[in-house]
Structure formats: structure tokens, C-alpha cells
Amino acid sequence: MSFPGMYGGPGAGSAGSTAGMNEQEQKMVKMMSGAMESCLAKSIMAGAMGGVLGGAFGLFMSSMAYDTPLSPQGQQITSLPVREQLKRGLKDMGAKSWSSAKNFALIGGVYSGVECTIEGFRAKSDLKNSALAGCITGAGLAYKAGPQAALLGCGGFAAFSTAIDAYMRMPESD
């Protein structure tokens, strides 16, 4: 199914328009748009993308971690057969990648959901939403380590998310 305005077809330039669609198509477009604008959908998408990015990052970082010839048991890895070395290395890389993917997914999902909720309550899209969402997310992720860690998490994550959002809002220079 192709909508008017998609892929340079008839009506190109009227992006988002439902002109030329029958009533059922218009309802479907409206329903899909509403679903994609929901905080739950945004959180799920951010969590999924965070998981993929975290997995790739974890795989890269774990592949660089083999600077010591000792295995976790203190045994020299170089004395093991090559097949066992590969087995242990790949198992360790998989575990580290999975751990990183879960952490990035959690951070992405929580931050996105909190920011979307704040934006909905404030009915504004500005840097204050990023700062508040960053503070809440950072504090929430660090609360188990105590109040000082929660405070540092709040400040650090708020500063980071505000800086990223400010950079993303900068006008493009030609």
C-alpha cells in the first residue's frame, strides 16, 4: 500500500496529508500516528535501539579486553588448546555484550519514557525536559548505592542529556 506523498508519488510534498485516502486508510494512519506518539511506544523503541547499540558497544569493548594471558580462574589461557581459548573468549564476549545491551536498553527505555511523560505534563519541548528526565533517570538508576550516588547520578545524567539535546537542537550550518 502506498500513501500519497510517499516516495515522490502523487501528492509528494504534502507529507502527513490524508487527502486521497478512503475513510479506512485515514483511520489507520491516525491510529498508527497516535501509537507512535505514545510514551510507551517511544520507550520500547528507545529500549530496543539502546539494546542493539549496547550489544555492539559491549562486543567491541570485550574484544579489546584480552590484554592478559590469564583466564578468570588464574590459569594461563595460552597453555590451553586453541579450541578452548576460542570457546572461553567467545563465551566471555557474549556475556559482556549481553550485559551491556541490557544496561543500554534499560537506560534508553527509562530516559525516553520519563522525558516523554514530562513533555506531556509540561506541554513544551525544551531543554528543561532533558534536564529533568536526566536527573530522574540518573537518580533512579543510582538510588541503591545511597543518596550521594543518587545525587551524583542526577547531576551527571542531567548534564549529559541536556548537552546532547542542546547539540541536537543546534541549527544546521551550510
N, C-alpha and C. Protein backbone atom coordinates (compact mmCIF):
# COMPACT_ATOMS: atom_id res chain seq x y z
N MET A 1 0.85 -1.16 0.00
CA MET A 1 0.00 0.00 0.00
C MET A 1 0.90 1.22 0.00
N SER A 2 0.62 2.20 -0.82
CA SER A 2 1.41 3.40 -0.87
C SER A 2 0.50 4.59 -0.61
N PHE A 3 0.98 5.48 0.22
CA PHE A 3 0.20 6.66 0.57
C PHE A 3 0.61 7.81 -0.32
N PRO A 4 -0.30 8.73 -0.62
CA PRO A 4 0.08 9.92 -1.39
C PRO A 4 1.19 10.66 -0.67
N GLY A 5 2.17 11.08 -1.40
CA GLY A 5 3.29 11.80 -0.80
C GLY A 5 4.46 10.91 -0.50
N MET A 6 4.27 9.58 -0.53
CA MET A 6 5.38 8.66 -0.23
C MET A 6 6.19 8.42 -1.48
N TYR A 7 7.48 8.40 -1.35
CA TYR A 7 8.40 8.02 -2.42
C TYR A 7 8.23 8.88 -3.67
N GLY A 8 7.88 10.12 -3.50
CA GLY A 8 7.78 11.03 -4.64
C GLY A 8 6.58 10.77 -5.54
N GLY A 9 5.61 10.00 -5.08
CA GLY A 9 4.43 9.68 -5.87
C GLY A 9 3.48 10.85 -5.93
N PRO A 10 2.26 10.59 -6.38
CA PRO A 10 1.27 11.66 -6.47
C PRO A 10 1.06 12.31 -5.11
N GLY A 11 1.07 13.60 -5.08
CA GLY A 11 0.85 14.31 -3.83
C GLY A 11 2.13 14.51 -3.05
N ALA A 12 3.30 14.24 -3.67
CA ALA A 12 4.57 14.44 -2.97
C ALA A 12 4.65 15.89 -2.52
N GLY A 13 5.16 16.08 -1.35
CA GLY A 13 5.24 17.42 -0.80
C GLY A 13 4.13 17.67 0.20
N SER A 14 3.12 16.86 0.21
CA SER A 14 2.05 17.00 1.18
C SER A 14 2.20 15.91 2.23
N ALA A 15 3.41 15.82 2.80
CA ALA A 15 3.70 14.78 3.78
C ALA A 15 2.76 14.90 4.96
N GLY A 16 2.22 13.79 5.40
CA GLY A 16 1.33 13.76 6.54
C GLY A 16 -0.12 13.99 6.15
N SER A 17 -0.37 14.34 4.91
CA SER A 17 -1.72 14.58 4.46
C SER A 17 -2.44 13.26 4.21
N THR A 18 -3.72 13.24 4.47
CA THR A 18 -4.51 12.03 4.21
C THR A 18 -5.44 12.24 3.03
N ALA A 19 -5.19 13.31 2.25
CA ALA A 19 -6.02 13.58 1.08
C ALA A 19 -5.89 12.45 0.08
N GLY A 20 -6.99 12.04 -0.48
CA GLY A 20 -6.96 10.97 -1.47
C GLY A 20 -7.10 9.58 -0.88
N MET A 21 -7.17 9.47 0.44
CA MET A 21 -7.32 8.17 1.09
C MET A 21 -8.78 7.94 1.42
N ASN A 22 -9.16 6.68 1.44
CA ASN A 22 -10.53 6.40 1.86
C ASN A 22 -10.60 6.48 3.39
N GLU A 23 -11.79 6.38 3.91
CA GLU A 23 -12.01 6.57 5.36
C GLU A 23 -11.24 5.56 6.20
N GLN A 24 -11.19 4.30 5.74
CA GLN A 24 -10.49 3.26 6.49
C GLN A 24 -8.99 3.54 6.54
N GLU A 25 -8.42 3.97 5.43
CA GLU A 25 -7.00 4.31 5.39
C GLU A 25 -6.69 5.49 6.30
N GLN A 26 -7.57 6.49 6.31
CA GLN A 26 -7.37 7.65 7.16
C GLN A 26 -7.39 7.26 8.64
N LYS A 27 -8.32 6.37 9.01
CA LYS A 27 -8.38 5.89 10.40
C LYS A 27 -7.11 5.14 10.77
N MET A 28 -6.62 4.31 9.84
CA MET A 28 -5.41 3.54 10.10
C MET A 28 -4.20 4.45 10.28
N VAL A 29 -4.06 5.45 9.44
CA VAL A 29 -2.96 6.40 9.56
C VAL A 29 -3.04 7.14 10.89
N LYS A 30 -4.25 7.55 11.26
CA LYS A 30 -4.44 8.27 12.53
C LYS A 30 -4.10 7.37 13.72
N MET A 31 -4.52 6.11 13.66
CA MET A 31 -4.23 5.17 14.74
C MET A 31 -2.73 4.90 14.86
N MET A 32 -2.07 4.70 13.73
CA MET A 32 -0.63 4.44 13.75
C MET A 32 0.15 5.65 14.24
N SER A 33 -0.27 6.84 13.83
CA SER A 33 0.39 8.06 14.30
C SER A 33 0.23 8.22 15.80
N GLY A 34 -0.96 7.95 16.30
CA GLY A 34 -1.20 8.03 17.74
C GLY A 34 -0.38 7.02 18.51
N ALA A 35 -0.25 5.82 17.98
CA ALA A 35 0.54 4.78 18.65
C ALA A 35 2.01 5.16 18.70
N MET A 36 2.52 5.73 17.61
CA MET A 36 3.93 6.09 17.55
C MET A 36 4.25 7.30 18.43
N GLU A 37 3.25 8.09 18.75
CA GLU A 37 3.45 9.24 19.61
C GLU A 37 3.27 8.91 21.10
N SER A 38 2.85 7.70 21.40
CA SER A 38 2.64 7.34 22.80
C SER A 38 3.98 7.14 23.51
N CYS A 39 3.99 7.46 24.78
CA CYS A 39 5.22 7.32 25.58
C CYS A 39 5.65 5.86 25.67
N LEU A 40 4.70 4.94 25.72
CA LEU A 40 5.04 3.53 25.80
C LEU A 40 5.78 3.08 24.54
N ALA A 41 5.27 3.46 23.37
CA ALA A 41 5.92 3.08 22.12
C ALA A 41 7.31 3.70 22.01
N LYS A 42 7.43 4.96 22.40
CA LYS A 42 8.73 5.63 22.36
C LYS A 42 9.71 4.95 23.30
N SER A 43 9.27 4.55 24.48
CA SER A 43 10.14 3.87 25.44
C SER A 43 10.59 2.52 24.92
N ILE A 44 9.67 1.78 24.31
CA ILE A 44 10.01 0.46 23.77
C ILE A 44 11.02 0.60 22.64
N MET A 45 10.79 1.56 21.74
CA MET A 45 11.73 1.76 20.63
C MET A 45 13.10 2.20 21.13
N ALA A 46 13.12 3.11 22.10
CA ALA A 46 14.40 3.58 22.64
C ALA A 46 15.12 2.45 23.36
N GLY A 47 14.37 1.62 24.08
CA GLY A 47 14.98 0.48 24.75
C GLY A 47 15.56 -0.52 23.76
N ALA A 48 14.83 -0.78 22.68
CA ALA A 48 15.31 -1.72 21.66
C ALA A 48 16.56 -1.17 20.97
N MET A 49 16.53 0.09 20.61
CA MET A 49 17.70 0.68 19.95
C MET A 49 18.88 0.76 20.92
N GLY A 50 18.60 1.06 22.18
CA GLY A 50 19.66 1.07 23.19
C GLY A 50 20.27 -0.31 23.36
N GLY A 51 19.43 -1.33 23.32
CA GLY A 51 19.94 -2.70 23.45
C GLY A 51 20.85 -3.08 22.30
N VAL A 52 20.46 -2.71 21.09
CA VAL A 52 21.30 -3.02 19.92
C VAL A 52 22.62 -2.26 20.02
N LEU A 53 22.55 -0.97 20.32
CA LEU A 53 23.76 -0.17 20.45
C LEU A 53 24.64 -0.69 21.59
N GLY A 54 24.03 -1.00 22.71
CA GLY A 54 24.79 -1.53 23.85
C GLY A 54 25.44 -2.86 23.54
N GLY A 55 24.74 -3.72 22.81
CA GLY A 55 25.32 -5.00 22.42
C GLY A 55 26.53 -4.83 21.53
N ALA A 56 26.43 -3.93 20.56
CA ALA A 56 27.55 -3.66 19.66
C ALA A 56 28.72 -3.04 20.43
N PHE A 57 28.41 -2.11 21.31
CA PHE A 57 29.44 -1.46 22.12
C PHE A 57 30.11 -2.49 23.05
N GLY A 58 29.30 -3.33 23.67
CA GLY A 58 29.84 -4.37 24.56
C GLY A 58 30.71 -5.36 23.81
N LEU A 59 30.31 -5.73 22.61
CA LEU A 59 31.09 -6.66 21.79
C LEU A 59 32.44 -6.04 21.45
N PHE A 60 32.42 -4.78 21.05
CA PHE A 60 33.66 -4.09 20.72
C PHE A 60 34.58 -3.99 21.93
N MET A 61 34.01 -3.54 23.06
CA MET A 61 34.83 -3.37 24.26
C MET A 61 35.36 -4.70 24.79
N SER A 62 34.55 -5.73 24.73
CA SER A 62 35.02 -7.02 25.24
C SER A 62 36.07 -7.63 24.31
N SER A 63 36.01 -7.31 23.03
CA SER A 63 37.03 -7.84 22.12
C SER A 63 38.38 -7.19 22.37
N MET A 64 38.39 -6.02 23.01
CA MET A 64 39.64 -5.34 23.33
C MET A 64 40.15 -5.69 24.72
N ALA A 65 39.43 -6.50 25.45
CA ALA A 65 39.75 -6.75 26.86
C ALA A 65 40.77 -7.88 27.07
N TYR A 66 41.23 -8.48 26.01
CA TYR A 66 42.13 -9.62 26.17
C TYR A 66 43.58 -9.19 26.13
N ASP A 67 43.97 -8.40 27.12
CA ASP A 67 45.34 -7.92 27.21
C ASP A 67 46.15 -8.73 28.22
N THR A 68 45.55 -9.70 28.86
CA THR A 68 46.24 -10.53 29.83
C THR A 68 46.11 -12.00 29.43
N PRO A 69 47.18 -12.75 29.59
CA PRO A 69 47.12 -14.16 29.19
C PRO A 69 46.47 -15.07 30.24
N LEU A 70 45.89 -14.48 31.30
CA LEU A 70 45.31 -15.30 32.36
C LEU A 70 43.80 -15.43 32.17
N SER A 71 43.30 -16.61 32.45
CA SER A 71 41.85 -16.82 32.41
C SER A 71 41.27 -16.38 33.75
N PRO A 72 39.94 -16.30 33.87
CA PRO A 72 39.33 -15.91 35.14
C PRO A 72 39.72 -16.82 36.30
N GLN A 73 40.10 -18.05 36.00
CA GLN A 73 40.49 -18.97 37.07
C GLN A 73 41.97 -18.81 37.44
N GLY A 74 42.68 -17.85 36.83
CA GLY A 74 44.08 -17.61 37.14
C GLY A 74 45.01 -18.51 36.33
N GLN A 75 44.48 -19.32 35.49
CA GLN A 75 45.26 -20.24 34.67
C GLN A 75 45.68 -19.52 33.38
N GLN A 76 46.87 -19.82 32.91
CA GLN A 76 47.34 -19.22 31.67
C GLN A 76 46.48 -19.70 30.51
N ILE A 77 45.84 -18.77 29.82
CA ILE A 77 45.00 -19.13 28.67
C ILE A 77 45.86 -19.68 27.54
N THR A 78 47.05 -19.13 27.40
CA THR A 78 47.91 -19.56 26.30
C THR A 78 48.32 -21.02 26.42
N SER A 79 48.21 -21.61 27.61
CA SER A 79 48.58 -23.02 27.77
C SER A 79 47.43 -23.95 27.39
N LEU A 80 46.24 -23.41 27.17
CA LEU A 80 45.08 -24.22 26.78
C LEU A 80 45.08 -24.45 25.28
N PRO A 81 44.40 -25.49 24.82
CA PRO A 81 44.28 -25.71 23.38
C PRO A 81 43.53 -24.53 22.72
N VAL A 82 43.79 -24.29 21.45
CA VAL A 82 43.21 -23.16 20.72
C VAL A 82 41.69 -23.20 20.76
N ARG A 83 41.12 -24.37 20.59
CA ARG A 83 39.66 -24.51 20.61
C ARG A 83 39.09 -24.04 21.96
N GLU A 84 39.75 -24.41 23.06
CA GLU A 84 39.29 -24.00 24.40
C GLU A 84 39.48 -22.49 24.59
N GLN A 85 40.56 -21.94 24.06
CA GLN A 85 40.79 -20.50 24.14
C GLN A 85 39.67 -19.74 23.43
N LEU A 86 39.33 -20.20 22.23
CA LEU A 86 38.25 -19.56 21.47
C LEU A 86 36.91 -19.70 22.18
N LYS A 87 36.65 -20.88 22.71
CA LYS A 87 35.39 -21.13 23.41
C LYS A 87 35.24 -20.18 24.60
N ARG A 88 36.28 -20.08 25.39
CA ARG A 88 36.21 -19.19 26.57
C ARG A 88 36.12 -17.72 26.16
N GLY A 89 36.90 -17.34 25.16
CA GLY A 89 36.88 -15.95 24.71
C GLY A 89 35.52 -15.55 24.17
N LEU A 90 34.94 -16.40 23.33
CA LEU A 90 33.63 -16.08 22.75
C LEU A 90 32.53 -16.08 23.81
N LYS A 91 32.61 -16.99 24.76
CA LYS A 91 31.62 -17.03 25.83
C LYS A 91 31.69 -15.77 26.68
N ASP A 92 32.89 -15.33 26.98
CA ASP A 92 33.08 -14.11 27.76
C ASP A 92 32.61 -12.88 26.98
N MET A 93 32.91 -12.83 25.70
CA MET A 93 32.46 -11.70 24.87
C MET A 93 30.94 -11.65 24.79
N GLY A 94 30.31 -12.82 24.66
CA GLY A 94 28.86 -12.86 24.61
C GLY A 94 28.23 -12.38 25.91
N ALA A 95 28.79 -12.81 27.03
CA ALA A 95 28.26 -12.40 28.34
C ALA A 95 28.40 -10.90 28.54
N LYS A 96 29.55 -10.35 28.17
CA LYS A 96 29.76 -8.91 28.34
C LYS A 96 28.87 -8.11 27.39
N SER A 97 28.69 -8.60 26.18
CA SER A 97 27.82 -7.91 25.22
C SER A 97 26.37 -7.91 25.70
N TRP A 98 25.91 -9.05 26.21
CA TRP A 98 24.54 -9.15 26.71
C TRP A 98 24.32 -8.21 27.89
N SER A 99 25.30 -8.16 28.79
CA SER A 99 25.19 -7.29 29.95
C SER A 99 25.12 -5.83 29.52
N SER A 100 25.97 -5.44 28.59
CA SER A 100 25.96 -4.07 28.09
C SER A 100 24.66 -3.76 27.37
N ALA A 101 24.15 -4.70 26.58
CA ALA A 101 22.89 -4.50 25.87
C ALA A 101 21.75 -4.28 26.84
N LYS A 102 21.68 -5.07 27.91
CA LYS A 102 20.61 -4.90 28.90
C LYS A 102 20.69 -3.53 29.57
N ASN A 103 21.90 -3.10 29.92
CA ASN A 103 22.06 -1.81 30.59
C ASN A 103 21.67 -0.65 29.68
N PHE A 104 22.12 -0.68 28.43
CA PHE A 104 21.77 0.39 27.50
C PHE A 104 20.27 0.40 27.22
N ALA A 105 19.67 -0.78 27.11
CA ALA A 105 18.23 -0.86 26.87
C ALA A 105 17.46 -0.26 28.05
N LEU A 106 17.88 -0.58 29.25
CA LEU A 106 17.23 -0.03 30.44
C LEU A 106 17.34 1.49 30.48
N ILE A 107 18.53 2.00 30.26
CA ILE A 107 18.74 3.45 30.29
C ILE A 107 17.93 4.13 29.20
N GLY A 108 17.97 3.59 27.99
CA GLY A 108 17.22 4.19 26.88
C GLY A 108 15.73 4.19 27.12
N GLY A 109 15.22 3.06 27.58
CA GLY A 109 13.78 2.96 27.81
C GLY A 109 13.30 3.85 28.94
N VAL A 110 14.03 3.86 30.04
CA VAL A 110 13.63 4.68 31.19
C VAL A 110 13.72 6.16 30.85
N TYR A 111 14.84 6.58 30.28
CA TYR A 111 15.02 8.00 29.96
C TYR A 111 13.95 8.47 28.98
N SER A 112 13.73 7.71 27.93
CA SER A 112 12.75 8.10 26.92
C SER A 112 11.34 8.20 27.52
N GLY A 113 10.98 7.24 28.34
CA GLY A 113 9.66 7.26 28.96
C GLY A 113 9.48 8.44 29.90
N VAL A 114 10.51 8.72 30.70
CA VAL A 114 10.44 9.83 31.64
C VAL A 114 10.37 11.16 30.88
N GLU A 115 11.21 11.31 29.85
CA GLU A 115 11.20 12.56 29.10
C GLU A 115 9.86 12.78 28.39
N CYS A 116 9.32 11.72 27.81
CA CYS A 116 8.03 11.82 27.13
C CYS A 116 6.91 12.20 28.11
N THR A 117 6.95 11.61 29.28
CA THR A 117 5.94 11.91 30.30
C THR A 117 6.05 13.36 30.76
N ILE A 118 7.27 13.82 30.99
CA ILE A 118 7.47 15.21 31.42
C ILE A 118 6.99 16.16 30.32
N GLU A 119 7.34 15.84 29.08
CA GLU A 119 6.92 16.68 27.96
C GLU A 119 5.40 16.74 27.86
N GLY A 120 4.75 15.62 28.14
CA GLY A 120 3.29 15.59 28.11
C GLY A 120 2.67 16.45 29.21
N PHE A 121 3.25 16.40 30.40
CA PHE A 121 2.72 17.21 31.51
C PHE A 121 2.98 18.69 31.30
N ARG A 122 4.18 19.04 30.82
CA ARG A 122 4.54 20.44 30.63
C ARG A 122 3.98 21.02 29.34
N ALA A 123 3.65 20.18 28.39
CA ALA A 123 3.15 20.61 27.07
C ALA A 123 4.14 21.54 26.39
N LYS A 124 5.43 21.26 26.59
CA LYS A 124 6.51 22.03 25.97
C LYS A 124 7.62 21.05 25.59
N SER A 125 8.38 21.42 24.58
CA SER A 125 9.54 20.64 24.19
C SER A 125 10.75 21.55 24.26
N ASP A 126 11.46 21.49 25.38
CA ASP A 126 12.64 22.34 25.56
C ASP A 126 13.72 21.60 26.34
N LEU A 127 14.81 22.29 26.64
CA LEU A 127 15.94 21.66 27.33
C LEU A 127 15.62 21.30 28.78
N LYS A 128 14.63 21.95 29.36
CA LYS A 128 14.26 21.65 30.74
C LYS A 128 13.76 20.20 30.85
N ASN A 129 13.05 19.72 29.81
CA ASN A 129 12.58 18.33 29.82
C ASN A 129 13.77 17.37 29.88
N SER A 130 14.81 17.65 29.10
CA SER A 130 16.00 16.79 29.08
C SER A 130 16.69 16.80 30.44
N ALA A 131 16.81 17.97 31.03
CA ALA A 131 17.48 18.08 32.33
C ALA A 131 16.70 17.32 33.41
N LEU A 132 15.39 17.53 33.44
CA LEU A 132 14.57 16.84 34.44
C LEU A 132 14.57 15.32 34.24
N ALA A 133 14.42 14.90 32.97
CA ALA A 133 14.42 13.47 32.68
C ALA A 133 15.77 12.85 33.01
N GLY A 134 16.84 13.56 32.70
CA GLY A 134 18.18 13.07 33.02
C GLY A 134 18.39 12.94 34.51
N CYS A 135 17.93 13.92 35.26
CA CYS A 135 18.06 13.88 36.72
C CYS A 135 17.27 12.71 37.31
N ILE A 136 16.04 12.56 36.88
CA ILE A 136 15.20 11.47 37.41
C ILE A 136 15.78 10.11 37.04
N THR A 137 16.21 9.97 35.79
CA THR A 137 16.77 8.70 35.34
C THR A 137 18.07 8.38 36.07
N GLY A 138 18.97 9.36 36.13
CA GLY A 138 20.26 9.15 36.81
C GLY A 138 20.10 8.81 38.28
N ALA A 139 19.21 9.54 38.95
CA ALA A 139 18.97 9.28 40.37
C ALA A 139 18.31 7.92 40.56
N GLY A 140 17.36 7.60 39.68
CA GLY A 140 16.65 6.32 39.79
C GLY A 140 17.57 5.12 39.58
N LEU A 141 18.51 5.25 38.66
CA LEU A 141 19.43 4.14 38.40
C LEU A 141 20.49 3.99 39.49
N ALA A 142 20.76 5.07 40.23
CA ALA A 142 21.82 5.02 41.24
C ALA A 142 21.30 4.97 42.68
N TYR A 143 19.99 4.94 42.88
CA TYR A 143 19.46 5.07 44.24
C TYR A 143 19.89 3.95 45.18
N LYS A 144 20.14 2.76 44.66
CA LYS A 144 20.52 1.64 45.53
C LYS A 144 21.87 1.86 46.21
N ALA A 145 22.70 2.72 45.61
CA ALA A 145 24.03 2.98 46.17
C ALA A 145 24.00 4.08 47.23
N GLY A 146 22.85 4.64 47.49
CA GLY A 146 22.72 5.65 48.53
C GLY A 146 22.40 7.02 47.98
N PRO A 147 22.12 7.96 48.91
CA PRO A 147 21.69 9.30 48.50
C PRO A 147 22.78 10.08 47.76
N GLN A 148 24.02 9.90 48.15
CA GLN A 148 25.10 10.64 47.48
C GLN A 148 25.24 10.17 46.03
N ALA A 149 25.17 8.87 45.82
CA ALA A 149 25.24 8.33 44.46
C ALA A 149 24.04 8.78 43.63
N ALA A 150 22.86 8.82 44.25
CA ALA A 150 21.66 9.28 43.54
C ALA A 150 21.80 10.74 43.13
N LEU A 151 22.36 11.55 44.02
CA LEU A 151 22.58 12.96 43.72
C LEU A 151 23.58 13.13 42.58
N LEU A 152 24.67 12.38 42.63
CA LEU A 152 25.66 12.44 41.56
C LEU A 152 25.09 11.91 40.24
N GLY A 153 24.29 10.85 40.32
CA GLY A 153 23.64 10.32 39.13
C GLY A 153 22.70 11.34 38.52
N CYS A 154 21.95 12.02 39.38
CA CYS A 154 21.02 13.05 38.93
C CYS A 154 21.78 14.15 38.19
N GLY A 155 22.80 14.69 38.82
CA GLY A 155 23.56 15.79 38.23
C GLY A 155 24.29 15.39 36.97
N GLY A 156 24.94 14.24 37.01
CA GLY A 156 25.71 13.79 35.85
C GLY A 156 24.85 13.47 34.65
N PHE A 157 23.78 12.74 34.88
CA PHE A 157 22.91 12.35 33.76
C PHE A 157 22.15 13.56 33.24
N ALA A 158 21.77 14.49 34.13
CA ALA A 158 21.08 15.71 33.69
C ALA A 158 22.00 16.55 32.81
N ALA A 159 23.24 16.70 33.22
CA ALA A 159 24.19 17.48 32.43
C ALA A 159 24.44 16.83 31.07
N PHE A 160 24.63 15.52 31.07
CA PHE A 160 24.90 14.80 29.83
C PHE A 160 23.72 14.89 28.87
N SER A 161 22.52 14.59 29.36
CA SER A 161 21.35 14.59 28.48
C SER A 161 21.02 15.99 27.99
N THR A 162 21.23 16.99 28.81
CA THR A 162 20.97 18.37 28.38
C THR A 162 21.98 18.79 27.31
N ALA A 163 23.24 18.41 27.50
CA ALA A 163 24.27 18.75 26.50
C ALA A 163 23.97 18.08 25.16
N ILE A 164 23.58 16.82 25.19
CA ILE A 164 23.25 16.11 23.95
C ILE A 164 22.04 16.75 23.27
N ASP A 165 21.01 17.06 24.06
CA ASP A 165 19.80 17.67 23.50
C ASP A 165 20.11 19.05 22.94
N ALA A 166 20.93 19.83 23.63
CA ALA A 166 21.29 21.17 23.14
C ALA A 166 22.05 21.05 21.81
N TYR A 167 22.93 20.08 21.72
CA TYR A 167 23.66 19.86 20.46
C TYR A 167 22.71 19.45 19.33
N MET A 168 21.76 18.58 19.64
CA MET A 168 20.82 18.11 18.62
C MET A 168 19.86 19.21 18.17
N ARG A 169 19.64 20.21 19.01
CA ARG A 169 18.74 21.31 18.66
C ARG A 169 19.45 22.45 17.93
N MET A 170 20.77 22.38 17.83
CA MET A 170 21.51 23.43 17.14
C MET A 170 21.09 23.51 15.68
N PRO A 171 20.96 24.73 15.16
CA PRO A 171 20.60 24.84 13.75
C PRO A 171 21.74 24.33 12.86
N GLU A 172 21.34 23.74 11.73
CA GLU A 172 22.34 23.22 10.81
C GLU A 172 23.04 24.37 10.12
N SER A 173 24.34 24.22 9.94
CA SER A 173 25.08 25.24 9.20
C SER A 173 25.42 24.68 7.83
N ASP A 174 25.27 25.51 6.83
CA ASP A 174 25.52 25.03 5.46
C ASP A 174 26.95 25.19 5.06
